[in-house]
PDB file of all heavy atoms in Angstrom:
ATOM      1  N   LEU A   1     221.615  89.004 -25.540  1.00  0.00           N
ATOM      2  CA  LEU A   1     221.231  88.700 -24.163  1.00  0.00           C
ATOM      3  C   LEU A   1     222.263  89.236 -23.179  1.00  0.00           C
ATOM      4  O   LEU A   1     221.900  89.771 -22.125  1.00  0.00           O
ATOM      5  CB  LEU A   1     221.028  87.196 -23.984  1.00  0.00           C
ATOM      6  CG  LEU A   1     220.030  86.540 -24.948  1.00  0.00           C
ATOM      7  CD1 LEU A   1     219.836  85.080 -24.591  1.00  0.00           C
ATOM      8  CD2 LEU A   1     218.717  87.277 -24.975  1.00  0.00           C
ATOM      9  N   VAL A   2     223.525  89.118 -23.516  1.00  0.00           N
ATOM     10  CA  VAL A   2     224.574  89.663 -22.657  1.00  0.00           C
ATOM     11  C   VAL A   2     224.431  91.185 -22.563  1.00  0.00           C
ATOM     12  O   VAL A   2     224.555  91.767 -21.480  1.00  0.00           O
ATOM     13  CB  VAL A   2     225.977  89.252 -23.159  1.00  0.00           C
ATOM     14  CG1 VAL A   2     227.070  90.006 -22.427  1.00  0.00           C
ATOM     15  CG2 VAL A   2     226.161  87.745 -23.010  1.00  0.00           C
ATOM     16  N   ALA A   3     224.140  91.833 -23.681  1.00  0.00           N
ATOM     17  CA  ALA A   3     223.969  93.291 -23.682  1.00  0.00           C
ATOM     18  C   ALA A   3     222.767  93.723 -22.848  1.00  0.00           C
ATOM     19  O   ALA A   3     222.721  94.857 -22.357  1.00  0.00           O
ATOM     20  CB  ALA A   3     223.836  93.806 -25.111  1.00  0.00           C
ATOM     21  N   ALA A   4     221.802  92.825 -22.680  1.00  0.00           N
ATOM     22  CA  ALA A   4     220.586  93.143 -21.917  1.00  0.00           C
ATOM     23  C   ALA A   4     220.602  92.555 -20.515  1.00  0.00           C
ATOM     24  O   ALA A   4     219.613  92.659 -19.791  1.00  0.00           O
ATOM     25  CB  ALA A   4     219.360  92.635 -22.677  1.00  0.00           C
ATOM     26  N   GLU A   5     221.706  91.967 -20.085  1.00  0.00           N
ATOM     27  CA  GLU A   5     221.720  91.248 -18.813  1.00  0.00           C
ATOM     28  C   GLU A   5     221.460  92.143 -17.603  1.00  0.00           C
ATOM     29  O   GLU A   5     221.051  91.651 -16.552  1.00  0.00           O
ATOM     30  CB  GLU A   5     223.001  90.437 -18.638  1.00  0.00           C
ATOM     31  CG  GLU A   5     224.232  91.245 -18.383  1.00  0.00           C
ATOM     32  CD  GLU A   5     225.488  90.376 -18.296  1.00  0.00           C
ATOM     33  OE1 GLU A   5     225.428  89.153 -18.536  1.00  0.00           O
ATOM     34  OE2 GLU A   5     226.546  90.951 -17.989  1.00  0.00           O
ATOM     35  N   HIS A   6     221.630  93.449 -17.737  1.00  0.00           N
ATOM     36  CA  HIS A   6     221.285  94.353 -16.627  1.00  0.00           C
ATOM     37  C   HIS A   6     219.786  94.322 -16.324  1.00  0.00           C
ATOM     38  O   HIS A   6     219.364  94.751 -15.258  1.00  0.00           O
ATOM     39  CB  HIS A   6     221.744  95.786 -16.927  1.00  0.00           C
ATOM     40  CG  HIS A   6     221.051  96.412 -18.090  1.00  0.00           C
ATOM     41  ND1 HIS A   6     221.381  96.139 -19.403  1.00  0.00           N
ATOM     42  CD2 HIS A   6     220.018  97.287 -18.134  1.00  0.00           C
ATOM     43  CE1 HIS A   6     220.584  96.823 -20.203  1.00  0.00           C
ATOM     44  NE2 HIS A   6     219.746  97.537 -19.462  1.00  0.00           N
ATOM     45  N   LEU A   7     218.999  93.789 -17.235  1.00  0.00           N
ATOM     46  CA  LEU A   7     217.559  93.675 -17.050  1.00  0.00           C
ATOM     47  C   LEU A   7     217.170  92.385 -16.327  1.00  0.00           C
ATOM     48  O   LEU A   7     216.053  92.267 -15.841  1.00  0.00           O
ATOM     49  CB  LEU A   7     216.851  93.706 -18.408  1.00  0.00           C
ATOM     50  CG  LEU A   7     217.087  94.952 -19.256  1.00  0.00           C
ATOM     51  CD1 LEU A   7     216.567  94.731 -20.668  1.00  0.00           C
ATOM     52  CD2 LEU A   7     216.424  96.166 -18.615  1.00  0.00           C
ATOM     53  N   PHE A   8     218.081  91.423 -16.279  1.00  0.00           N
ATOM     54  CA  PHE A   8     217.809  90.110 -15.703  1.00  0.00           C
ATOM     55  C   PHE A   8     218.150  90.098 -14.217  1.00  0.00           C
ATOM     56  O   PHE A   8     218.741  91.031 -13.686  1.00  0.00           O
ATOM     57  CB  PHE A   8     218.618  89.020 -16.410  1.00  0.00           C
ATOM     58  CG  PHE A   8     218.486  89.010 -17.919  1.00  0.00           C
ATOM     59  CD1 PHE A   8     219.526  88.548 -18.704  1.00  0.00           C
ATOM     60  CD2 PHE A   8     217.349  89.457 -18.556  1.00  0.00           C
ATOM     61  CE1 PHE A   8     219.426  88.514 -20.083  1.00  0.00           C
ATOM     62  CE2 PHE A   8     217.237  89.432 -19.931  1.00  0.00           C
ATOM     63  CZ  PHE A   8     218.284  88.958 -20.700  1.00  0.00           C
ATOM     64  N   ASP A   9     217.827  88.999 -13.568  1.00  0.00           N
ATOM     65  CA  ASP A   9     218.147  88.830 -12.154  1.00  0.00           C
ATOM     66  C   ASP A   9     219.647  88.593 -11.926  1.00  0.00           C
ATOM     67  O   ASP A   9     220.144  88.804 -10.832  1.00  0.00           O
ATOM     68  CB  ASP A   9     217.359  87.658 -11.558  1.00  0.00           C
ATOM     69  CG  ASP A   9     215.864  87.916 -11.565  1.00  0.00           C
ATOM     70  OD1 ASP A   9     215.454  89.082 -11.441  1.00  0.00           O
ATOM     71  OD2 ASP A   9     215.105  86.938 -11.711  1.00  0.00           O
ATOM     72  N   GLY A  10     220.343  88.133 -12.947  1.00  0.00           N
ATOM     73  CA  GLY A  10     221.776  87.857 -12.845  1.00  0.00           C
ATOM     74  C   GLY A  10     222.398  87.899 -14.223  1.00  0.00           C
ATOM     75  O   GLY A  10     221.729  88.173 -15.217  1.00  0.00           O
ATOM     76  N   PRO A  11     223.701  87.611 -14.308  1.00  0.00           N
ATOM     77  CA  PRO A  11     224.379  87.662 -15.601  1.00  0.00           C
ATOM     78  C   PRO A  11     223.879  86.585 -16.565  1.00  0.00           C
ATOM     79  O   PRO A  11     223.502  85.496 -16.151  1.00  0.00           O
ATOM     80  CB  PRO A  11     225.853  87.422 -15.258  1.00  0.00           C
ATOM     81  CG  PRO A  11     225.940  87.194 -13.804  1.00  0.00           C
ATOM     82  CD  PRO A  11     224.574  87.293 -13.206  1.00  0.00           C
ATOM     83  N   ALA A  12     223.892  86.919 -17.834  1.00  0.00           N
ATOM     84  CA  ALA A  12     223.509  85.963 -18.881  1.00  0.00           C
ATOM     85  C   ALA A  12     224.703  85.077 -19.190  1.00  0.00           C
ATOM     86  O   ALA A  12     225.756  85.576 -19.574  1.00  0.00           O
ATOM     87  CB  ALA A  12     223.058  86.709 -20.134  1.00  0.00           C
ATOM     88  N   ARG A  13     224.538  83.782 -19.009  1.00  0.00           N
ATOM     89  CA  ARG A  13     225.600  82.839 -19.347  1.00  0.00           C
ATOM     90  C   ARG A  13     225.483  82.457 -20.810  1.00  0.00           C
ATOM     91  O   ARG A  13     224.380  82.193 -21.310  1.00  0.00           O
ATOM     92  CB  ARG A  13     225.499  81.591 -18.475  1.00  0.00           C
ATOM     93  CG  ARG A  13     225.950  81.836 -17.056  1.00  0.00           C
ATOM     94  CD  ARG A  13     225.974  80.610 -16.215  1.00  0.00           C
ATOM     95  NE  ARG A  13     226.264  79.365 -16.925  1.00  0.00           N
ATOM     96  CZ  ARG A  13     226.309  78.181 -16.318  1.00  0.00           C
ATOM     97  NH1 ARG A  13     226.083  78.087 -15.019  1.00  0.00           N
ATOM     98  NH2 ARG A  13     226.565  77.088 -17.014  1.00  0.00           N
ATOM     99  N   ARG A  14     226.598  82.423 -21.499  1.00  0.00           N
ATOM    100  CA  ARG A  14     226.590  82.125 -22.930  1.00  0.00           C
ATOM    101  C   ARG A  14     225.994  80.749 -23.213  1.00  0.00           C
ATOM    102  O   ARG A  14     225.189  80.602 -24.129  1.00  0.00           O
ATOM    103  CB  ARG A  14     227.995  82.231 -23.508  1.00  0.00           C
ATOM    104  CG  ARG A  14     228.032  81.966 -24.996  1.00  0.00           C
ATOM    105  CD  ARG A  14     229.364  82.316 -25.636  1.00  0.00           C
ATOM    106  NE  ARG A  14     229.455  81.867 -26.996  1.00  0.00           N
ATOM    107  CZ  ARG A  14     228.812  82.385 -28.028  1.00  0.00           C
ATOM    108  NH1 ARG A  14     228.018  83.409 -27.849  1.00  0.00           N
ATOM    109  NH2 ARG A  14     228.961  81.902 -29.240  1.00  0.00           N
ATOM    110  N   ASP A  15     226.356  79.721 -22.435  1.00  0.00           N
ATOM    111  CA  ASP A  15     225.841  78.380 -22.701  1.00  0.00           C
ATOM    112  C   ASP A  15     224.327  78.320 -22.511  1.00  0.00           C
ATOM    113  O   ASP A  15     223.611  77.728 -23.309  1.00  0.00           O
ATOM    114  CB  ASP A  15     226.561  77.325 -21.867  1.00  0.00           C
ATOM    115  CG  ASP A  15     226.519  77.569 -20.365  1.00  0.00           C
ATOM    116  OD1 ASP A  15     226.384  78.732 -19.929  1.00  0.00           O
ATOM    117  OD2 ASP A  15     226.635  76.583 -19.610  1.00  0.00           O
ATOM    118  N   TRP A  16     223.816  78.970 -21.475  1.00  0.00           N
ATOM    119  CA  TRP A  16     222.369  78.986 -21.262  1.00  0.00           C
ATOM    120  C   TRP A  16     221.675  79.829 -22.331  1.00  0.00           C
ATOM    121  O   TRP A  16     220.575  79.512 -22.764  1.00  0.00           O
ATOM    122  CB  TRP A  16     222.027  79.503 -19.877  1.00  0.00           C
ATOM    123  CG  TRP A  16     222.422  78.586 -18.762  1.00  0.00           C
ATOM    124  CD1 TRP A  16     222.825  77.274 -18.845  1.00  0.00           C
ATOM    125  CD2 TRP A  16     222.459  78.914 -17.374  1.00  0.00           C
ATOM    126  NE1 TRP A  16     223.102  76.772 -17.607  1.00  0.00           N
ATOM    127  CE2 TRP A  16     222.889  77.763 -16.673  1.00  0.00           C
ATOM    128  CE3 TRP A  16     222.179  80.063 -16.655  1.00  0.00           C
ATOM    129  CZ2 TRP A  16     223.029  77.735 -15.296  1.00  0.00           C
ATOM    130  CZ3 TRP A  16     222.328  80.032 -15.281  1.00  0.00           C
ATOM    131  CH2 TRP A  16     222.743  78.877 -14.614  1.00  0.00           C
ATOM    132  N   SER A  17     222.320  80.926 -22.726  1.00  0.00           N
ATOM    133  CA  SER A  17     221.747  81.781 -23.767  1.00  0.00           C
ATOM    134  C   SER A  17     221.609  81.026 -25.077  1.00  0.00           C
ATOM    135  O   SER A  17     220.570  81.096 -25.742  1.00  0.00           O
ATOM    136  CB  SER A  17     222.611  83.031 -23.961  1.00  0.00           C
ATOM    137  OG  SER A  17     222.632  83.806 -22.791  1.00  0.00           O
ATOM    138  N   LEU A  18     222.663  80.294 -25.458  1.00  0.00           N
ATOM    139  CA  LEU A  18     222.607  79.494 -26.684  1.00  0.00           C
ATOM    140  C   LEU A  18     221.492  78.461 -26.611  1.00  0.00           C
ATOM    141  O   LEU A  18     220.736  78.272 -27.566  1.00  0.00           O
ATOM    142  CB  LEU A  18     223.947  78.797 -26.931  1.00  0.00           C
ATOM    143  CG  LEU A  18     225.076  79.676 -27.457  1.00  0.00           C
ATOM    144  CD1 LEU A  18     226.415  78.964 -27.331  1.00  0.00           C
ATOM    145  CD2 LEU A  18     224.802  80.076 -28.891  1.00  0.00           C
ATOM    146  N   ARG A  19     221.399  77.792 -25.482  1.00  0.00           N
ATOM    147  CA  ARG A  19     220.365  76.758 -25.309  1.00  0.00           C
ATOM    148  C   ARG A  19     218.962  77.360 -25.374  1.00  0.00           C
ATOM    149  O   ARG A  19     218.064  76.814 -26.012  1.00  0.00           O
ATOM    150  CB  ARG A  19     220.600  76.059 -23.971  1.00  0.00           C
ATOM    151  CG  ARG A  19     219.760  74.856 -23.765  1.00  0.00           C
ATOM    152  CD  ARG A  19     220.199  74.124 -22.526  1.00  0.00           C
ATOM    153  NE  ARG A  19     219.188  73.149 -22.157  1.00  0.00           N
ATOM    154  CZ  ARG A  19     219.147  72.532 -21.006  1.00  0.00           C
ATOM    155  NH1 ARG A  19     220.059  72.767 -20.089  1.00  0.00           N
ATOM    156  NH2 ARG A  19     218.197  71.675 -20.739  1.00  0.00           N
ATOM    157  N   PHE A  20     218.760  78.511 -24.697  1.00  0.00           N
ATOM    158  CA  PHE A  20     217.461  79.176 -24.719  1.00  0.00           C
ATOM    159  C   PHE A  20     217.077  79.549 -26.144  1.00  0.00           C
ATOM    160  O   PHE A  20     215.966  79.268 -26.605  1.00  0.00           O
ATOM    161  CB  PHE A  20     217.480  80.423 -23.829  1.00  0.00           C
ATOM    162  CG  PHE A  20     216.185  81.185 -23.847  1.00  0.00           C
ATOM    163  CD1 PHE A  20     215.182  80.885 -22.936  1.00  0.00           C
ATOM    164  CD2 PHE A  20     215.951  82.180 -24.782  1.00  0.00           C
ATOM    165  CE1 PHE A  20     213.969  81.569 -22.965  1.00  0.00           C
ATOM    166  CE2 PHE A  20     214.745  82.863 -24.818  1.00  0.00           C
ATOM    167  CZ  PHE A  20     213.760  82.554 -23.899  1.00  0.00           C
ATOM    168  N   LEU A  21     217.992  80.203 -26.847  1.00  0.00           N
ATOM    169  CA  LEU A  21     217.687  80.680 -28.194  1.00  0.00           C
ATOM    170  C   LEU A  21     217.466  79.543 -29.185  1.00  0.00           C
ATOM    171  O   LEU A  21     216.715  79.704 -30.146  1.00  0.00           O
ATOM    172  CB  LEU A  21     218.813  81.601 -28.681  1.00  0.00           C
ATOM    173  CG  LEU A  21     218.935  82.919 -27.915  1.00  0.00           C
ATOM    174  CD1 LEU A  21     220.216  83.637 -28.313  1.00  0.00           C
ATOM    175  CD2 LEU A  21     217.720  83.806 -28.119  1.00  0.00           C
ATOM    176  N   ALA A  22     218.094  78.391 -28.947  1.00  0.00           N
ATOM    177  CA  ALA A  22     217.947  77.248 -29.846  1.00  0.00           C
ATOM    178  C   ALA A  22     216.699  76.424 -29.570  1.00  0.00           C
ATOM    179  O   ALA A  22     216.261  75.658 -30.431  1.00  0.00           O
ATOM    180  CB  ALA A  22     219.182  76.347 -29.746  1.00  0.00           C
ATOM    181  N   ALA A  23     216.115  76.575 -28.397  1.00  0.00           N
ATOM    182  CA  ALA A  23     214.963  75.753 -28.021  1.00  0.00           C
ATOM    183  C   ALA A  23     213.719  76.177 -28.808  1.00  0.00           C
ATOM    184  O   ALA A  23     213.339  77.348 -28.786  1.00  0.00           O
ATOM    185  CB  ALA A  23     214.705  75.871 -26.523  1.00  0.00           C
ATOM    186  N   PRO A  24     213.076  75.234 -29.477  1.00  0.00           N
ATOM    187  CA  PRO A  24     211.838  75.565 -30.193  1.00  0.00           C
ATOM    188  C   PRO A  24     210.789  76.121 -29.220  1.00  0.00           C
ATOM    189  O   PRO A  24     210.608  75.595 -28.123  1.00  0.00           O
ATOM    190  CB  PRO A  24     211.384  74.230 -30.780  1.00  0.00           C
ATOM    191  CG  PRO A  24     212.597  73.371 -30.783  1.00  0.00           C
ATOM    192  CD  PRO A  24     213.433  73.828 -29.621  1.00  0.00           C
ATOM    193  N   GLY A  25     210.136  77.188 -29.623  1.00  0.00           N
ATOM    194  CA  GLY A  25     209.071  77.753 -28.807  1.00  0.00           C
ATOM    195  C   GLY A  25     209.529  78.691 -27.715  1.00  0.00           C
ATOM    196  O   GLY A  25     208.699  79.230 -26.994  1.00  0.00           O
ATOM    197  N   HIS A  26     210.826  78.903 -27.563  1.00  0.00           N
ATOM    198  CA  HIS A  26     211.327  79.856 -26.574  1.00  0.00           C
ATOM    199  C   HIS A  26     211.564  81.194 -27.267  1.00  0.00           C
ATOM    200  O   HIS A  26     212.239  81.255 -28.293  1.00  0.00           O
ATOM    201  CB  HIS A  26     212.644  79.373 -25.964  1.00  0.00           C
ATOM    202  CG  HIS A  26     212.458  78.317 -24.938  1.00  0.00           C
ATOM    203  ND1 HIS A  26     211.875  77.100 -25.204  1.00  0.00           N
ATOM    204  CD2 HIS A  26     212.800  78.294 -23.637  1.00  0.00           C
ATOM    205  CE1 HIS A  26     211.863  76.368 -24.106  1.00  0.00           C
ATOM    206  NE2 HIS A  26     212.410  77.064 -23.137  1.00  0.00           N
ATOM    207  N   LEU A  27     211.011  82.253 -26.701  1.00  0.00           N
ATOM    208  CA  LEU A  27     211.118  83.581 -27.307  1.00  0.00           C
ATOM    209  C   LEU A  27     211.605  84.589 -26.284  1.00  0.00           C
ATOM    210  O   LEU A  27     211.166  84.574 -25.128  1.00  0.00           O
ATOM    211  CB  LEU A  27     209.741  84.071 -27.772  1.00  0.00           C
ATOM    212  CG  LEU A  27     208.961  83.194 -28.726  1.00  0.00           C
ATOM    213  CD1 LEU A  27     207.515  83.626 -28.749  1.00  0.00           C
ATOM    214  CD2 LEU A  27     209.569  83.299 -30.097  1.00  0.00           C
ATOM    215  N   MET A  28     212.483  85.482 -26.709  1.00  0.00           N
ATOM    216  CA  MET A  28     212.806  86.646 -25.910  1.00  0.00           C
ATOM    217  C   MET A  28     212.711  87.852 -26.823  1.00  0.00           C
ATOM    218  O   MET A  28     213.334  87.889 -27.884  1.00  0.00           O
ATOM    219  CB  MET A  28     214.192  86.594 -25.296  1.00  0.00           C
ATOM    220  CG  MET A  28     214.457  87.882 -24.492  1.00  0.00           C
ATOM    221  SD  MET A  28     215.949  87.894 -23.520  1.00  0.00           S
ATOM    222  CE  MET A  28     215.594  86.623 -22.344  1.00  0.00           C
ATOM    223  N   LEU A  29     211.878  88.784 -26.409  1.00  0.00           N
ATOM    224  CA  LEU A  29     211.750  90.054 -27.112  1.00  0.00           C
ATOM    225  C   LEU A  29     212.417  91.114 -26.254  1.00  0.00           C
ATOM    226  O   LEU A  29     212.197  91.162 -25.045  1.00  0.00           O
ATOM    227  CB  LEU A  29     210.281  90.401 -27.331  1.00  0.00           C
ATOM    228  CG  LEU A  29     209.432  89.347 -28.055  1.00  0.00           C
ATOM    229  CD1 LEU A  29     207.963  89.748 -28.042  1.00  0.00           C
ATOM    230  CD2 LEU A  29     209.925  89.142 -29.470  1.00  0.00           C
ATOM    231  N   ILE A  30     213.228  91.950 -26.885  1.00  0.00           N
ATOM    232  CA  ILE A  30     213.918  93.016 -26.161  1.00  0.00           C
ATOM    233  C   ILE A  30     213.435  94.353 -26.697  1.00  0.00           C
ATOM    234  O   ILE A  30     213.360  94.564 -27.913  1.00  0.00           O
ATOM    235  CB  ILE A  30     215.444  92.890 -26.297  1.00  0.00           C
ATOM    236  CG1 ILE A  30     215.910  91.537 -25.741  1.00  0.00           C
ATOM    237  CG2 ILE A  30     216.146  94.048 -25.570  1.00  0.00           C
ATOM    238  CD1 ILE A  30     217.392  91.264 -25.920  1.00  0.00           C
ATOM    239  N   ALA A  31     213.090  95.251 -25.758  1.00  0.00           N
ATOM    240  CA  ALA A  31     212.692  96.615 -26.103  1.00  0.00           C
ATOM    241  C   ALA A  31     213.923  97.506 -26.036  1.00  0.00           C
ATOM    242  O   ALA A  31     214.656  97.486 -25.050  1.00  0.00           O
ATOM    243  CB  ALA A  31     211.625  97.116 -25.130  1.00  0.00           C
ATOM    244  N   TYR A  32     214.133  98.266 -27.093  1.00  0.00           N
ATOM    245  CA  TYR A  32     215.265  99.178 -27.165  1.00  0.00           C
ATOM    246  C   TYR A  32     214.764 100.614 -27.227  1.00  0.00           C
ATOM    247  O   TYR A  32     213.813 100.913 -27.942  1.00  0.00           O
ATOM    248  CB  TYR A  32     216.109  98.901 -28.416  1.00  0.00           C
ATOM    249  CG  TYR A  32     216.763  97.548 -28.418  1.00  0.00           C
ATOM    250  CD1 TYR A  32     216.113  96.433 -28.933  1.00  0.00           C
ATOM    251  CD2 TYR A  32     218.050  97.383 -27.910  1.00  0.00           C
ATOM    252  CE1 TYR A  32     216.719  95.186 -28.938  1.00  0.00           C
ATOM    253  CE2 TYR A  32     218.661  96.136 -27.913  1.00  0.00           C
ATOM    254  CZ  TYR A  32     217.985  95.048 -28.425  1.00  0.00           C
ATOM    255  OH  TYR A  32     218.584  93.813 -28.424  1.00  0.00           O
ATOM    256  N   ILE A  33     215.408 101.473 -26.466  1.00  0.00           N
ATOM    257  CA  ILE A  33     215.180 102.919 -26.560  1.00  0.00           C
ATOM    258  C   ILE A  33     216.492 103.512 -27.047  1.00  0.00           C
ATOM    259  O   ILE A  33     217.525 103.368 -26.388  1.00  0.00           O
ATOM    260  CB  ILE A  33     214.798 103.541 -25.195  1.00  0.00           C
ATOM    261  CG1 ILE A  33     213.511 102.945 -24.648  1.00  0.00           C
ATOM    262  CG2 ILE A  33     214.720 105.060 -25.304  1.00  0.00           C
ATOM    263  CD1 ILE A  33     212.244 103.429 -25.321  1.00  0.00           C
ATOM    264  N   GLU A  34     216.435 104.128 -28.210  1.00  0.00           N
ATOM    265  CA  GLU A  34     217.629 104.712 -28.835  1.00  0.00           C
ATOM    266  C   GLU A  34     218.785 103.712 -28.863  1.00  0.00           C
ATOM    267  O   GLU A  34     219.931 104.041 -28.560  1.00  0.00           O
ATOM    268  CB  GLU A  34     218.021 106.001 -28.132  1.00  0.00           C
ATOM    269  CG  GLU A  34     216.957 107.066 -28.270  1.00  0.00           C
ATOM    270  CD  GLU A  34     217.327 108.385 -27.607  1.00  0.00           C
ATOM    271  OE1 GLU A  34     218.364 108.465 -26.921  1.00  0.00           O
ATOM    272  OE2 GLU A  34     216.562 109.326 -27.785  1.00  0.00           O
ATOM    273  N   GLY A  35     218.469 102.455 -29.187  1.00  0.00           N
ATOM    274  CA  GLY A  35     219.465 101.413 -29.352  1.00  0.00           C
ATOM    275  C   GLY A  35     219.920 100.731 -28.075  1.00  0.00           C
ATOM    276  O   GLY A  35     220.723  99.802 -28.130  1.00  0.00           O
ATOM    277  N   LEU A  36     219.428 101.164 -26.913  1.00  0.00           N
ATOM    278  CA  LEU A  36     219.827 100.567 -25.642  1.00  0.00           C
ATOM    279  C   LEU A  36     218.730  99.661 -25.102  1.00  0.00           C
ATOM    280  O   LEU A  36     217.548 100.032 -25.123  1.00  0.00           O
ATOM    281  CB  LEU A  36     220.130 101.666 -24.615  1.00  0.00           C
ATOM    282  CG  LEU A  36     221.254 102.629 -24.985  1.00  0.00           C
ATOM    283  CD1 LEU A  36     221.351 103.748 -23.953  1.00  0.00           C
ATOM    284  CD2 LEU A  36     222.569 101.885 -25.108  1.00  0.00           C
ATOM    285  N   PRO A  37     219.078  98.459 -24.593  1.00  0.00           N
ATOM    286  CA  PRO A  37     218.068  97.566 -24.022  1.00  0.00           C
ATOM    287  C   PRO A  37     217.392  98.209 -22.811  1.00  0.00           C
ATOM    288  O   PRO A  37     218.055  98.579 -21.847  1.00  0.00           O
ATOM    289  CB  PRO A  37     218.861  96.324 -23.616  1.00  0.00           C
ATOM    290  CG  PRO A  37     220.150  96.406 -24.359  1.00  0.00           C
ATOM    291  CD  PRO A  37     220.420  97.867 -24.551  1.00  0.00           C
ATOM    292  N   ALA A  38     216.079  98.341 -22.887  1.00  0.00           N
ATOM    293  CA  ALA A  38     215.310  98.988 -21.816  1.00  0.00           C
ATOM    294  C   ALA A  38     214.353  98.026 -21.128  1.00  0.00           C
ATOM    295  O   ALA A  38     213.914  98.283 -20.010  1.00  0.00           O
ATOM    296  CB  ALA A  38     214.521 100.165 -22.380  1.00  0.00           C
ATOM    297  N   GLY A  39     214.014  96.917 -21.775  1.00  0.00           N
ATOM    298  CA  GLY A  39     213.083  95.954 -21.203  1.00  0.00           C
ATOM    299  C   GLY A  39     213.101  94.672 -22.008  1.00  0.00           C
ATOM    300  O   GLY A  39     213.665  94.613 -23.099  1.00  0.00           O
ATOM    301  N   PHE A  40     212.484  93.644 -21.436  1.00  0.00           N
ATOM    302  CA  PHE A  40     212.428  92.352 -22.123  1.00  0.00           C
ATOM    303  C   PHE A  40     211.188  91.591 -21.668  1.00  0.00           C
ATOM    304  O   PHE A  40     210.594  91.879 -20.631  1.00  0.00           O
ATOM    305  CB  PHE A  40     213.672  91.510 -21.841  1.00  0.00           C
ATOM    306  CG  PHE A  40     213.651  90.837 -20.499  1.00  0.00           C
ATOM    307  CD1 PHE A  40     213.279  89.506 -20.374  1.00  0.00           C
ATOM    308  CD2 PHE A  40     213.955  91.543 -19.351  1.00  0.00           C
ATOM    309  CE1 PHE A  40     213.225  88.894 -19.123  1.00  0.00           C
ATOM    310  CE2 PHE A  40     213.921  90.947 -18.100  1.00  0.00           C
ATOM    311  CZ  PHE A  40     213.548  89.616 -17.983  1.00  0.00           C
ATOM    312  N   ILE A  41     210.835  90.614 -22.483  1.00  0.00           N
ATOM    313  CA  ILE A  41     209.776  89.673 -22.135  1.00  0.00           C
ATOM    314  C   ILE A  41     210.169  88.319 -22.711  1.00  0.00           C
ATOM    315  O   ILE A  41     210.755  88.251 -23.800  1.00  0.00           O
ATOM    316  CB  ILE A  41     208.400  90.138 -22.673  1.00  0.00           C
ATOM    317  CG1 ILE A  41     207.260  89.334 -22.062  1.00  0.00           C
ATOM    318  CG2 ILE A  41     208.359  90.103 -24.191  1.00  0.00           C
ATOM    319  CD1 ILE A  41     205.881  89.946 -22.321  1.00  0.00           C
ATOM    320  N   THR A  42     209.908  87.264 -21.944  1.00  0.00           N
ATOM    321  CA  THR A  42     210.145  85.919 -22.457  1.00  0.00           C
ATOM    322  C   THR A  42     208.824  85.169 -22.505  1.00  0.00           C
ATOM    323  O   THR A  42     207.963  85.333 -21.637  1.00  0.00           O
ATOM    324  CB  THR A  42     211.154  85.132 -21.592  1.00  0.00           C
ATOM    325  OG1 THR A  42     210.738  85.147 -20.241  1.00  0.00           O
ATOM    326  CG2 THR A  42     212.546  85.700 -21.716  1.00  0.00           C
ATOM    327  N   GLY A  43     208.701  84.370 -23.537  1.00  0.00           N
ATOM    328  CA  GLY A  43     207.534  83.520 -23.697  1.00  0.00           C
ATOM    329  C   GLY A  43     207.974  82.116 -24.034  1.00  0.00           C
ATOM    330  O   GLY A  43     209.006  81.920 -24.683  1.00  0.00           O
ATOM    331  N   ILE A  44     207.196  81.142 -23.587  1.00  0.00           N
ATOM    332  CA  ILE A  44     207.478  79.746 -23.872  1.00  0.00           C
ATOM    333  C   ILE A  44     206.187  79.088 -24.350  1.00  0.00           C
ATOM    334  O   ILE A  44     205.174  79.120 -23.648  1.00  0.00           O
ATOM    335  CB  ILE A  44     208.014  79.010 -22.631  1.00  0.00           C
ATOM    336  CG1 ILE A  44     209.286  79.692 -22.130  1.00  0.00           C
ATOM    337  CG2 ILE A  44     208.246  77.530 -22.939  1.00  0.00           C
ATOM    338  CD1 ILE A  44     209.768  79.187 -20.791  1.00  0.00           C
TER     339      ILE A  44
END
């Protein structure tokens, strides 16, 4: 998430990132082009 934070509205905070990833039913998919984060989608 930190590596993809340029795609977000602001910086990815580690505490919020941990909480998001640990929450059941929370998903973030990241699209990579040649290994670089190019896009994302979140679902709940």
